[in-house]
Protein backbone atom coordinates (compact mmCIF):
# COMPACT_ATOMS: atom_id res chain seq x y z
CA MET A 1 83.97 79.56 90.88
CA TRP A 2 80.84 78.37 91.77
CA ASN A 3 81.61 75.09 91.65
CA LEU A 4 85.12 75.00 93.33
CA PHE A 5 82.93 76.96 96.40
CA ARG A 6 80.64 74.39 96.64
CA ALA A 7 83.28 71.69 96.68
CA GLU A 8 85.39 73.47 99.29
CA TRP A 9 82.38 74.19 101.61
CA THR A 10 81.58 70.37 101.64
CA LYS A 11 85.17 69.73 102.70
CA THR A 12 85.05 72.14 105.20
CA TYR A 13 82.06 71.11 107.46
CA LYS A 14 83.11 68.00 107.26
CA ARG A 15 86.90 67.85 107.96
CA PRO A 16 87.37 66.90 111.49
CA ALA A 17 89.45 69.37 112.36
CA ASN A 18 87.30 71.97 111.81
CA ILE A 19 84.41 70.50 113.67
CA GLY A 20 87.09 70.16 116.49
CA LEU A 21 87.76 74.15 116.30
CA PHE A 22 83.85 74.40 116.91
CA LEU A 23 84.00 72.20 119.76
CA VAL A 24 87.05 73.48 121.52
CA THR A 25 86.20 77.00 121.19
CA LEU A 26 82.81 76.85 122.45
CA GLY A 27 83.77 74.24 125.25
CA ILE A 28 85.90 76.71 126.33
CA LEU A 29 82.93 78.98 127.00
CA LEU A 30 81.42 76.26 128.74
CA LEU A 31 83.65 75.89 131.02
CA ALA A 32 84.01 79.65 131.67
CA PHE A 33 80.32 79.58 132.54
CA VAL A 34 80.05 76.75 134.37
CA GLY A 35 83.39 77.97 136.62
CA MET A 36 81.78 81.15 137.14
CA VAL A 37 78.66 79.95 138.66
CA GLY A 38 80.19 77.03 140.74
CA ILE A 39 82.44 79.46 142.34
CA SER A 40 79.49 81.57 143.07
CA PHE A 41 78.19 78.70 144.80
CA TYR A 42 80.86 78.26 146.68
CA GLU A 43 81.76 81.70 147.83
CA GLY A 44 77.65 81.78 148.46
CA MET A 45 74.96 83.66 146.34
CA ASP A 46 75.18 86.93 148.70
CA SER A 47 79.26 87.12 148.22
CA GLN A 48 80.75 89.86 146.29
CA PHE A 49 81.93 87.50 144.24
CA ALA A 50 78.08 86.09 143.42
CA ASP A 51 77.06 89.63 142.36
CA GLN A 52 80.50 90.16 140.19
CA ILE A 53 79.02 87.16 138.36
CA ARG A 54 75.48 87.95 137.95
CA GLN A 55 76.84 91.17 136.50
CA LEU A 56 78.97 89.25 134.13
CA THR A 57 76.48 86.97 132.82
CA LEU A 58 74.14 89.67 132.23
CA PHE A 59 72.98 90.10 128.51
CA PRO A 60 75.13 92.25 126.99
CA THR A 61 78.39 92.06 129.19
CA SER A 62 77.90 88.15 128.88
CA LEU A 63 79.47 88.68 125.49
CA GLN A 64 82.79 90.15 126.63
CA VAL A 65 83.49 86.43 127.36
CA PRO A 66 83.53 85.17 123.90
CA LEU A 67 85.48 88.13 122.77
CA ILE A 68 87.89 87.64 125.28
CA VAL A 69 88.32 83.90 124.02
CA LEU A 70 88.26 84.93 120.56
CA SER A 71 90.95 87.46 120.91
CA GLN A 72 93.36 85.23 122.67
CA LEU A 73 92.49 82.28 119.98
CA GLY A 74 91.30 83.77 117.03
CA SER A 75 94.97 83.52 115.43
CA ILE A 76 95.35 80.27 116.40
CA LEU A 77 91.98 78.89 115.05
CA ALA A 78 92.86 80.44 111.69
CA ILE A 79 96.33 78.94 112.03
CA VAL A 80 94.68 75.79 112.31
CA PHE A 81 92.21 75.97 109.52
CA MET A 82 94.17 77.43 106.64
CA SER A 83 97.06 74.75 107.43
CA ASN A 84 94.27 71.85 107.07
CA SER A 85 92.70 73.45 104.34
CA ILE A 86 95.83 73.82 102.28
CA GLY A 87 97.88 71.36 103.69
CA ALA A 88 94.93 68.65 102.70
CA GLU A 89 95.65 69.23 99.15
CA TYR A 90 98.77 68.25 99.04
CA THR A 91 98.41 65.02 101.18
CA ASN A 92 94.94 64.25 99.34
CA ASP A 93 96.04 65.26 96.00
CA THR A 94 92.16 66.38 95.20
CA TRP A 95 92.59 69.82 93.82
CA LYS A 96 93.18 67.87 90.23
CA VAL A 97 89.70 66.78 90.69
CA LEU A 98 87.88 70.05 91.53
CA LEU A 99 89.88 72.51 89.34
CA PRO A 100 88.76 72.30 85.87
CA ARG A 101 91.64 72.82 83.12
CA ARG A 102 90.28 75.84 82.15
CA ALA A 103 89.31 77.57 85.50
CA ARG A 104 92.32 80.70 86.79
CA ARG A 105 94.15 78.77 89.47
CA SER A 106 93.79 82.18 91.20
CA ASP A 107 89.94 81.07 91.95
CA PHE A 108 91.25 77.75 93.76
CA ILE A 109 93.29 80.23 96.23
CA ILE A 110 91.00 83.01 96.25
CA ILE A 111 88.00 80.55 97.18
CA LYS A 112 90.04 79.15 100.23
CA VAL A 113 90.65 82.65 101.60
CA ILE A 114 86.42 83.25 101.17
CA ILE A 115 85.77 79.85 103.04
CA CYS A 116 88.27 80.56 105.35
CA LEU A 117 86.57 84.31 106.13
CA LEU A 118 82.95 82.75 106.53
CA PHE A 119 84.19 79.36 108.68
CA MET A 120 85.73 82.26 111.19
CA THR A 121 82.65 84.33 110.67
CA LEU A 122 80.53 81.22 111.50
CA LEU A 123 82.75 80.64 114.50
CA ILE A 124 82.42 84.03 116.13
CA ALA A 125 78.51 84.05 115.45
CA THR A 126 77.87 80.70 117.28
CA SER A 127 80.22 81.57 119.54
CA LEU A 128 78.58 84.96 121.02
CA ILE A 129 75.08 83.27 120.60
CA PHE A 130 76.20 80.31 122.68
CA ALA A 131 77.56 82.72 125.57
CA ALA A 132 74.58 84.80 125.71
CA LEU A 133 72.31 81.40 126.45
CA LEU A 134 74.77 80.26 128.67
CA GLY A 135 74.85 83.70 130.13
CA VAL A 136 70.77 83.82 130.54
CA LEU A 137 71.08 80.30 131.86
CA ALA A 138 73.60 81.11 134.67
CA ASN A 139 71.57 84.34 135.83
CA LEU A 140 68.72 81.94 136.32
CA ILE A 141 70.89 79.75 138.06
CA VAL A 142 72.85 82.42 140.32
CA GLY A 143 69.37 84.57 140.83
CA GLY A 144 70.28 87.46 138.61
CA ASP A 145 68.41 90.02 135.84
CA ILE A 146 68.87 88.08 132.37
CA SER A 147 69.73 91.12 130.45
CA ASN A 148 69.85 95.24 129.86
CA MET A 149 69.34 95.76 126.99
CA GLU A 150 70.07 99.70 127.33
CA GLN A 151 73.65 98.90 127.59
CA PHE A 152 73.93 96.73 124.04
CA SER A 153 75.28 98.33 121.21
CA ALA A 154 75.79 97.05 117.88
CA SER A 155 78.01 99.51 116.73
CA GLY A 156 80.20 98.72 119.70
CA LEU A 157 80.41 95.11 119.24
CA PHE A 158 81.11 95.58 115.43
CA LYS A 159 84.13 97.76 116.77
CA SER A 160 85.04 94.88 118.88
CA LEU A 161 85.08 92.28 116.44
CA VAL A 162 87.10 94.15 113.95
CA PRO A 163 90.56 93.56 115.57
CA ILE A 164 89.83 90.00 115.74
CA PHE A 165 88.99 89.84 112.15
CA LEU A 166 91.90 91.47 111.83
CA GLN A 167 94.09 88.90 113.44
CA LEU A 168 91.78 86.01 111.69
CA ILE A 169 92.71 87.19 108.65
CA VAL A 170 96.45 88.14 108.66
CA PHE A 171 97.79 85.03 110.31
CA SER A 172 95.26 83.02 107.72
CA SER A 173 97.10 84.85 105.07
CA ILE A 174 100.77 84.37 106.04
CA THR A 175 99.75 80.52 107.28
CA LEU A 176 98.61 80.03 103.69
CA LEU A 177 102.08 81.25 101.83
CA VAL A 178 103.80 78.97 104.64
CA THR A 179 102.01 76.15 103.65
CA MET A 180 101.79 76.31 100.31
CA ALA A 181 105.76 77.00 100.25
CA SER A 182 106.71 74.05 102.49
CA ARG A 183 103.49 71.69 101.10
CA SER A 184 103.13 70.46 105.02
CA THR A 185 100.00 71.18 107.04
CA ILE A 186 102.38 70.24 109.95
CA MET A 187 104.79 73.03 109.22
CA GLY A 188 101.89 75.52 108.65
CA ILE A 189 100.45 74.47 111.87
CA VAL A 190 103.84 74.81 113.87
CA PHE A 191 105.46 78.25 111.55
CA GLY A 192 101.78 80.05 112.40
CA ILE A 193 101.87 79.26 116.22
CA VAL A 194 105.28 79.42 116.91
CA GLY A 195 105.54 82.64 114.78
CA ASN A 196 102.92 84.09 116.13
CA THR A 197 104.78 83.50 119.56
CA ILE A 198 107.87 84.90 118.41
CA PHE A 199 106.56 88.08 116.43
CA ASN A 200 104.90 89.39 119.79
CA VAL A 201 107.91 88.91 121.60
CA ALA A 202 110.25 90.32 119.23
CA ALA A 203 107.83 93.28 119.12
CA SER A 204 107.86 93.53 122.55
CA LEU A 205 111.69 93.71 122.63
CA SER A 206 112.55 95.84 119.77
CA LYS A 207 111.29 98.77 118.28
CA LEU A 208 112.24 98.30 114.87
CA ALA A 209 110.51 94.53 115.21
CA ALA A 210 107.37 96.35 116.43
CA LYS A 211 106.99 98.67 113.17
CA ILE A 212 107.53 95.53 111.01
CA LEU A 213 105.49 93.02 112.06
CA PRO A 214 101.59 92.75 112.55
CA ASN A 215 100.81 92.34 115.96
CA LEU A 216 101.00 96.09 117.80
CA HIS A 217 100.14 97.24 114.48
CA ILE A 218 96.81 95.43 115.13
CA SER A 219 97.06 96.66 118.73
CA ASN A 220 97.19 100.15 117.56
CA LEU A 221 94.11 99.97 115.35
CA GLU A 222 92.17 98.33 118.43
CA ALA A 223 93.47 101.30 120.54
CA HIS A 224 91.84 104.09 118.26
CA TRP A 225 88.65 102.10 117.54
CA LEU A 226 87.64 100.47 120.55
CA PHE A 227 88.82 103.06 123.22
CA ASP A 228 87.47 106.68 124.05
CA GLY A 229 89.10 109.34 126.12
CA GLU A 230 91.67 108.84 128.63
CA GLU A 231 91.20 104.80 128.12
CA LYS A 232 92.32 105.77 124.64
CA THR A 233 95.04 107.90 125.66
CA ASP A 234 96.50 105.16 128.14
CA GLN A 235 96.34 102.16 125.40
CA LEU A 236 97.82 104.38 122.61
CA ASP A 237 100.46 105.40 125.24
CA LEU A 238 101.01 101.98 125.86
CA VAL A 239 101.76 101.04 121.85
CA THR A 240 103.75 103.96 121.40
CA GLY A 241 106.27 102.85 124.09
CA PHE A 242 106.35 99.74 121.95
CA PHE A 243 106.78 101.63 118.49
CA GLY A 244 109.08 104.23 120.19
CA THR A 245 107.09 106.72 118.48
CA GLN A 246 103.40 107.65 117.24
CA VAL A 247 102.38 105.22 114.77
CA SER A 248 98.95 107.11 112.81
CA LEU A 249 95.87 104.80 112.34
CA THR A 250 96.87 104.77 108.25
CA THR A 251 100.36 103.31 108.79
CA SER A 252 98.62 100.51 110.67
CA LEU A 253 96.31 99.98 108.12
CA MET A 254 99.13 99.98 105.59
CA VAL A 255 101.15 97.52 107.58
CA VAL A 256 98.44 95.21 108.25
CA GLY A 257 97.12 95.14 104.42
CA ALA A 258 100.81 94.83 103.17
CA TYR A 259 100.70 91.18 105.33
CA ILE A 260 97.45 90.18 104.18
CA PHE A 261 97.57 91.18 100.55
CA GLY A 262 101.26 90.46 99.93
CA SER A 263 100.93 87.20 101.43
CA ILE A 264 98.04 85.71 99.13
CA ILE A 265 99.53 87.32 96.41
CA ILE A 266 103.04 85.56 96.89
CA GLY A 267 100.81 82.61 97.22
CA LEU A 268 98.73 83.30 94.11
CA LEU A 269 102.30 83.50 92.15
CA LEU A 270 103.43 80.34 93.59
CA PHE A 271 100.52 78.43 92.78
CA GLN A 272 100.74 79.52 89.17
CA ARG A 273 104.36 78.57 88.69
CA ARG A 274 103.37 74.75 90.45
CA ASP A 275 100.58 72.63 91.35
CA MET A 276 99.57 71.70 94.91
CA ALA A 277 100.50 67.93 94.63
CA GLY A 278 104.16 68.83 94.11
CA GLN A 279 104.62 68.40 90.32
């Protein structure tokens, strides 16, 4: 399995699409901070907007910017990564070179999932560090304090990252299955992005769809984990309105887990029955 891991990681950091995911994510963060600084200059350093920017770019508050970006784009990033990871094997027929004849085929798919999580973890960590540095630079420009460490909470940051990782894992698992079934990178990307949109729309229109699809269950987990007091009550009431009834934390964990492990297991069974070259 170690040889498969090294080979897959080598392909991962050399694949142009993955480099593009890093550049796009960091580029969005850069544009966000440049925009905030630019508007501060336009409004005036003594304006209320400039004061708000000083607070927003103050560490650790500046970490909220990448968290918002990743919460909105995380599923798309995972979809594109996994589609390319699986689809490239069909296109280039490279799996036969990497998969020893006596190795378990399950290892090949498990490595794909592990590498996806590792890549996304590095992307998230890089985004947080990049945003923290941009926040320091922005505050030096607009004349604010650099940090307020009393506001930093490692546990709070971890709790904020959990829903993002859940999105990544759920939609990368679904995309793995779809790409493997269709044997097409484009189909995996299109289905993943369109499917995610359809899931959100369906969950907002149908209480049955809300209970079956993973999106609102992730929101339910987020409401339980990230919020406290009145804010938690408001978020739970909002999610309950879509469900039509109260849904427990355990139920949401079971639904999300079913999508993750169900997609991976079906993908493993599919790969056991045929090779990725389409033979």
